[in-house]
Amino acid sequence: MLKYIPEDIDIILLVKDLTFANNYRQKSLKWGILNSIEFVEFPDLSDIWVRDFAPLTVTEMDIHVPVKFDYKPFYVT
């Protein structure tokens, strides 16, 4: 999904611990993701479903803006 974010938008990832951050950053570069990626450690993160309810925060002109996606697949009425 990160490949679809324009390169001029910084990415902030919420993680349980920072142990994999450098490895992930290197893999992202290999995958062609050139965005600035910041990892924010949140040790109490235990719910794998956080991706479904946490907003995506984008930074533009030094302003942090939360973006929330709507889950509305065509097969759910």
N, C-alpha and C. Protein backbone atom coordinates (compact mmCIF):
# COMPACT_ATOMS: atom_id res chain seq x y z
N MET A 1 0.82 -1.19 0.00
CA MET A 1 0.00 0.00 0.00
C MET A 1 0.87 1.26 0.00
N LEU A 2 2.03 1.18 0.62
CA LEU A 2 2.89 2.36 0.70
C LEU A 2 3.35 2.83 -0.67
N LYS A 3 3.41 1.93 -1.66
CA LYS A 3 3.85 2.31 -3.00
C LYS A 3 2.90 3.30 -3.65
N TYR A 4 1.67 3.37 -3.19
CA TYR A 4 0.66 4.23 -3.81
C TYR A 4 0.61 5.62 -3.18
N ILE A 5 1.40 5.85 -2.15
CA ILE A 5 1.45 7.17 -1.52
C ILE A 5 2.49 8.01 -2.26
N PRO A 6 2.12 9.21 -2.72
CA PRO A 6 3.08 10.05 -3.44
C PRO A 6 4.37 10.26 -2.63
N GLU A 7 5.49 10.32 -3.33
CA GLU A 7 6.80 10.38 -2.68
C GLU A 7 7.01 11.62 -1.82
N ASP A 8 6.28 12.68 -2.09
CA ASP A 8 6.48 13.92 -1.33
C ASP A 8 5.70 13.92 -0.01
N ILE A 9 5.00 12.83 0.30
CA ILE A 9 4.25 12.72 1.55
C ILE A 9 5.04 11.83 2.51
N ASP A 10 5.30 12.33 3.70
CA ASP A 10 6.01 11.55 4.73
C ASP A 10 5.08 10.49 5.30
N ILE A 11 5.66 9.37 5.69
CA ILE A 11 4.89 8.25 6.24
C ILE A 11 5.29 8.06 7.70
N ILE A 12 4.30 7.91 8.56
CA ILE A 12 4.53 7.62 9.98
C ILE A 12 3.89 6.27 10.26
N LEU A 13 4.70 5.31 10.72
CA LEU A 13 4.20 3.98 11.01
C LEU A 13 4.19 3.75 12.52
N LEU A 14 3.07 3.30 13.04
CA LEU A 14 2.91 2.96 14.45
C LEU A 14 3.34 1.51 14.62
N VAL A 15 4.34 1.26 15.48
CA VAL A 15 4.86 -0.09 15.67
C VAL A 15 4.95 -0.41 17.16
N LYS A 16 4.90 -1.71 17.46
CA LYS A 16 4.98 -2.14 18.86
C LYS A 16 6.39 -1.93 19.42
N ASP A 17 7.40 -2.21 18.61
CA ASP A 17 8.78 -1.92 19.01
C ASP A 17 9.59 -1.57 17.76
N LEU A 18 10.73 -0.97 17.98
CA LEU A 18 11.52 -0.44 16.86
C LEU A 18 12.57 -1.41 16.34
N THR A 19 12.55 -2.65 16.77
CA THR A 19 13.62 -3.59 16.42
C THR A 19 13.72 -3.86 14.93
N PHE A 20 12.66 -3.76 14.20
CA PHE A 20 12.69 -4.06 12.77
C PHE A 20 12.74 -2.81 11.89
N ALA A 21 12.77 -1.63 12.48
CA ALA A 21 12.63 -0.39 11.72
C ALA A 21 13.70 -0.24 10.64
N ASN A 22 14.96 -0.43 10.97
CA ASN A 22 16.02 -0.24 9.98
C ASN A 22 15.90 -1.26 8.84
N ASN A 23 15.61 -2.50 9.17
CA ASN A 23 15.44 -3.53 8.15
C ASN A 23 14.26 -3.19 7.23
N TYR A 24 13.16 -2.73 7.81
CA TYR A 24 11.98 -2.36 7.02
C TYR A 24 12.30 -1.18 6.11
N ARG A 25 13.04 -0.21 6.64
CA ARG A 25 13.40 0.96 5.85
C ARG A 25 14.23 0.55 4.63
N GLN A 26 15.19 -0.37 4.83
CA GLN A 26 16.01 -0.86 3.73
C GLN A 26 15.17 -1.60 2.69
N LYS A 27 14.26 -2.45 3.15
CA LYS A 27 13.37 -3.17 2.23
C LYS A 27 12.48 -2.20 1.46
N SER A 28 12.02 -1.16 2.11
CA SER A 28 11.17 -0.17 1.45
C SER A 28 11.93 0.49 0.31
N LEU A 29 13.19 0.83 0.54
CA LEU A 29 13.99 1.43 -0.52
C LEU A 29 14.16 0.45 -1.68
N LYS A 30 14.37 -0.81 -1.35
CA LYS A 30 14.51 -1.84 -2.38
C LYS A 30 13.23 -1.97 -3.20
N TRP A 31 12.08 -1.79 -2.55
CA TRP A 31 10.77 -1.88 -3.21
C TRP A 31 10.42 -0.60 -3.98
N GLY A 32 11.29 0.41 -3.89
CA GLY A 32 11.05 1.65 -4.62
C GLY A 32 10.27 2.70 -3.85
N ILE A 33 10.13 2.52 -2.55
CA ILE A 33 9.43 3.50 -1.72
C ILE A 33 10.45 4.54 -1.25
N LEU A 34 10.34 5.75 -1.75
CA LEU A 34 11.33 6.78 -1.47
C LEU A 34 10.86 7.81 -0.44
N ASN A 35 9.66 7.60 0.09
CA ASN A 35 9.11 8.51 1.10
C ASN A 35 9.98 8.51 2.35
N SER A 36 9.92 9.60 3.08
CA SER A 36 10.50 9.63 4.42
C SER A 36 9.60 8.80 5.33
N ILE A 37 10.17 7.83 6.03
CA ILE A 37 9.38 6.96 6.91
C ILE A 37 9.85 7.16 8.35
N GLU A 38 8.90 7.52 9.21
CA GLU A 38 9.17 7.66 10.64
C GLU A 38 8.43 6.55 11.36
N PHE A 39 9.11 5.90 12.30
CA PHE A 39 8.50 4.84 13.10
C PHE A 39 8.23 5.39 14.49
N VAL A 40 6.99 5.24 14.95
CA VAL A 40 6.61 5.68 16.29
C VAL A 40 6.34 4.43 17.11
N GLU A 41 7.11 4.28 18.19
CA GLU A 41 6.98 3.10 19.04
C GLU A 41 5.79 3.25 19.99
N PHE A 42 4.95 2.24 20.00
CA PHE A 42 3.77 2.19 20.86
C PHE A 42 3.73 0.81 21.50
N PRO A 43 4.44 0.61 22.65
CA PRO A 43 4.58 -0.72 23.25
C PRO A 43 3.27 -1.40 23.62
N ASP A 44 2.22 -0.64 23.88
CA ASP A 44 0.95 -1.23 24.28
C ASP A 44 0.14 -1.72 23.09
N LEU A 45 0.69 -1.60 21.92
CA LEU A 45 0.00 -2.05 20.72
C LEU A 45 -0.09 -3.57 20.73
N SER A 46 -1.30 -4.08 20.88
CA SER A 46 -1.45 -5.54 20.93
C SER A 46 -2.59 -6.02 20.04
N ASP A 47 -3.37 -5.11 19.54
CA ASP A 47 -4.52 -5.47 18.73
C ASP A 47 -4.14 -5.42 17.26
N ILE A 48 -4.15 -6.57 16.59
CA ILE A 48 -3.77 -6.59 15.17
C ILE A 48 -4.76 -5.82 14.32
N TRP A 49 -5.92 -5.53 14.85
CA TRP A 49 -6.95 -4.84 14.08
C TRP A 49 -6.79 -3.33 14.14
N VAL A 50 -5.71 -2.84 14.76
CA VAL A 50 -5.48 -1.40 14.82
C VAL A 50 -5.47 -0.82 13.41
N ARG A 51 -5.06 -1.62 12.44
CA ARG A 51 -5.04 -1.13 11.05
C ARG A 51 -6.43 -0.79 10.54
N ASP A 52 -7.45 -1.36 11.16
CA ASP A 52 -8.81 -1.12 10.72
C ASP A 52 -9.44 0.13 11.34
N PHE A 53 -8.90 0.57 12.48
CA PHE A 53 -9.53 1.72 13.11
C PHE A 53 -8.60 2.90 13.32
N ALA A 54 -7.31 2.71 13.18
CA ALA A 54 -6.38 3.82 13.37
C ALA A 54 -6.31 4.67 12.10
N PRO A 55 -6.24 5.98 12.25
CA PRO A 55 -6.13 6.81 11.05
C PRO A 55 -4.70 6.76 10.50
N LEU A 56 -4.58 7.06 9.26
CA LEU A 56 -3.29 7.23 8.62
C LEU A 56 -2.95 8.70 8.76
N THR A 57 -1.77 9.02 9.26
CA THR A 57 -1.39 10.41 9.45
C THR A 57 -0.44 10.81 8.34
N VAL A 58 -0.78 11.84 7.61
CA VAL A 58 0.09 12.36 6.57
C VAL A 58 0.54 13.76 6.98
N THR A 59 1.73 14.12 6.54
CA THR A 59 2.29 15.42 6.87
C THR A 59 2.48 16.20 5.58
N GLU A 60 1.90 17.38 5.55
CA GLU A 60 2.06 18.24 4.40
C GLU A 60 2.31 19.65 4.89
N MET A 61 3.40 20.25 4.44
CA MET A 61 3.79 21.59 4.87
C MET A 61 3.86 21.66 6.40
N ASP A 62 4.50 20.65 7.01
CA ASP A 62 4.70 20.56 8.46
C ASP A 62 3.41 20.50 9.27
N ILE A 63 2.31 20.10 8.63
CA ILE A 63 1.04 19.92 9.33
C ILE A 63 0.68 18.45 9.28
N HIS A 64 0.43 17.84 10.44
CA HIS A 64 0.04 16.43 10.53
C HIS A 64 -1.48 16.34 10.39
N VAL A 65 -1.92 15.54 9.44
CA VAL A 65 -3.35 15.41 9.18
C VAL A 65 -3.73 13.93 9.24
N PRO A 66 -4.66 13.55 10.13
CA PRO A 66 -5.12 12.15 10.14
C PRO A 66 -6.09 11.89 8.99
N VAL A 67 -5.90 10.78 8.31
CA VAL A 67 -6.77 10.39 7.21
C VAL A 67 -7.39 9.05 7.57
N LYS A 68 -8.68 8.96 7.54
CA LYS A 68 -9.40 7.74 7.88
C LYS A 68 -10.09 7.22 6.62
N PHE A 69 -9.87 5.97 6.31
CA PHE A 69 -10.48 5.36 5.15
C PHE A 69 -11.81 4.72 5.54
N ASP A 70 -12.74 4.73 4.63
CA ASP A 70 -14.02 4.06 4.83
C ASP A 70 -13.94 2.65 4.27
N TYR A 71 -14.35 1.68 5.06
CA TYR A 71 -14.39 0.29 4.60
C TYR A 71 -15.78 0.05 4.04
N LYS A 72 -15.90 0.06 2.73
CA LYS A 72 -17.18 -0.13 2.08
C LYS A 72 -17.01 -1.01 0.84
N PRO A 73 -16.69 -2.29 1.04
CA PRO A 73 -16.55 -3.16 -0.13
C PRO A 73 -17.90 -3.36 -0.79
N PHE A 74 -17.88 -3.63 -2.08
CA PHE A 74 -19.12 -3.76 -2.85
C PHE A 74 -19.98 -4.92 -2.38
N TYR A 75 -19.36 -5.92 -1.76
CA TYR A 75 -20.12 -7.12 -1.37
C TYR A 75 -20.80 -6.98 0.00
N VAL A 76 -20.57 -5.87 0.70
CA VAL A 76 -21.24 -5.62 1.98
C VAL A 76 -22.33 -4.57 1.76
N THR A 77 -23.55 -4.90 2.10
CA THR A 77 -24.64 -3.96 1.86
C THR A 77 -25.17 -3.37 3.14
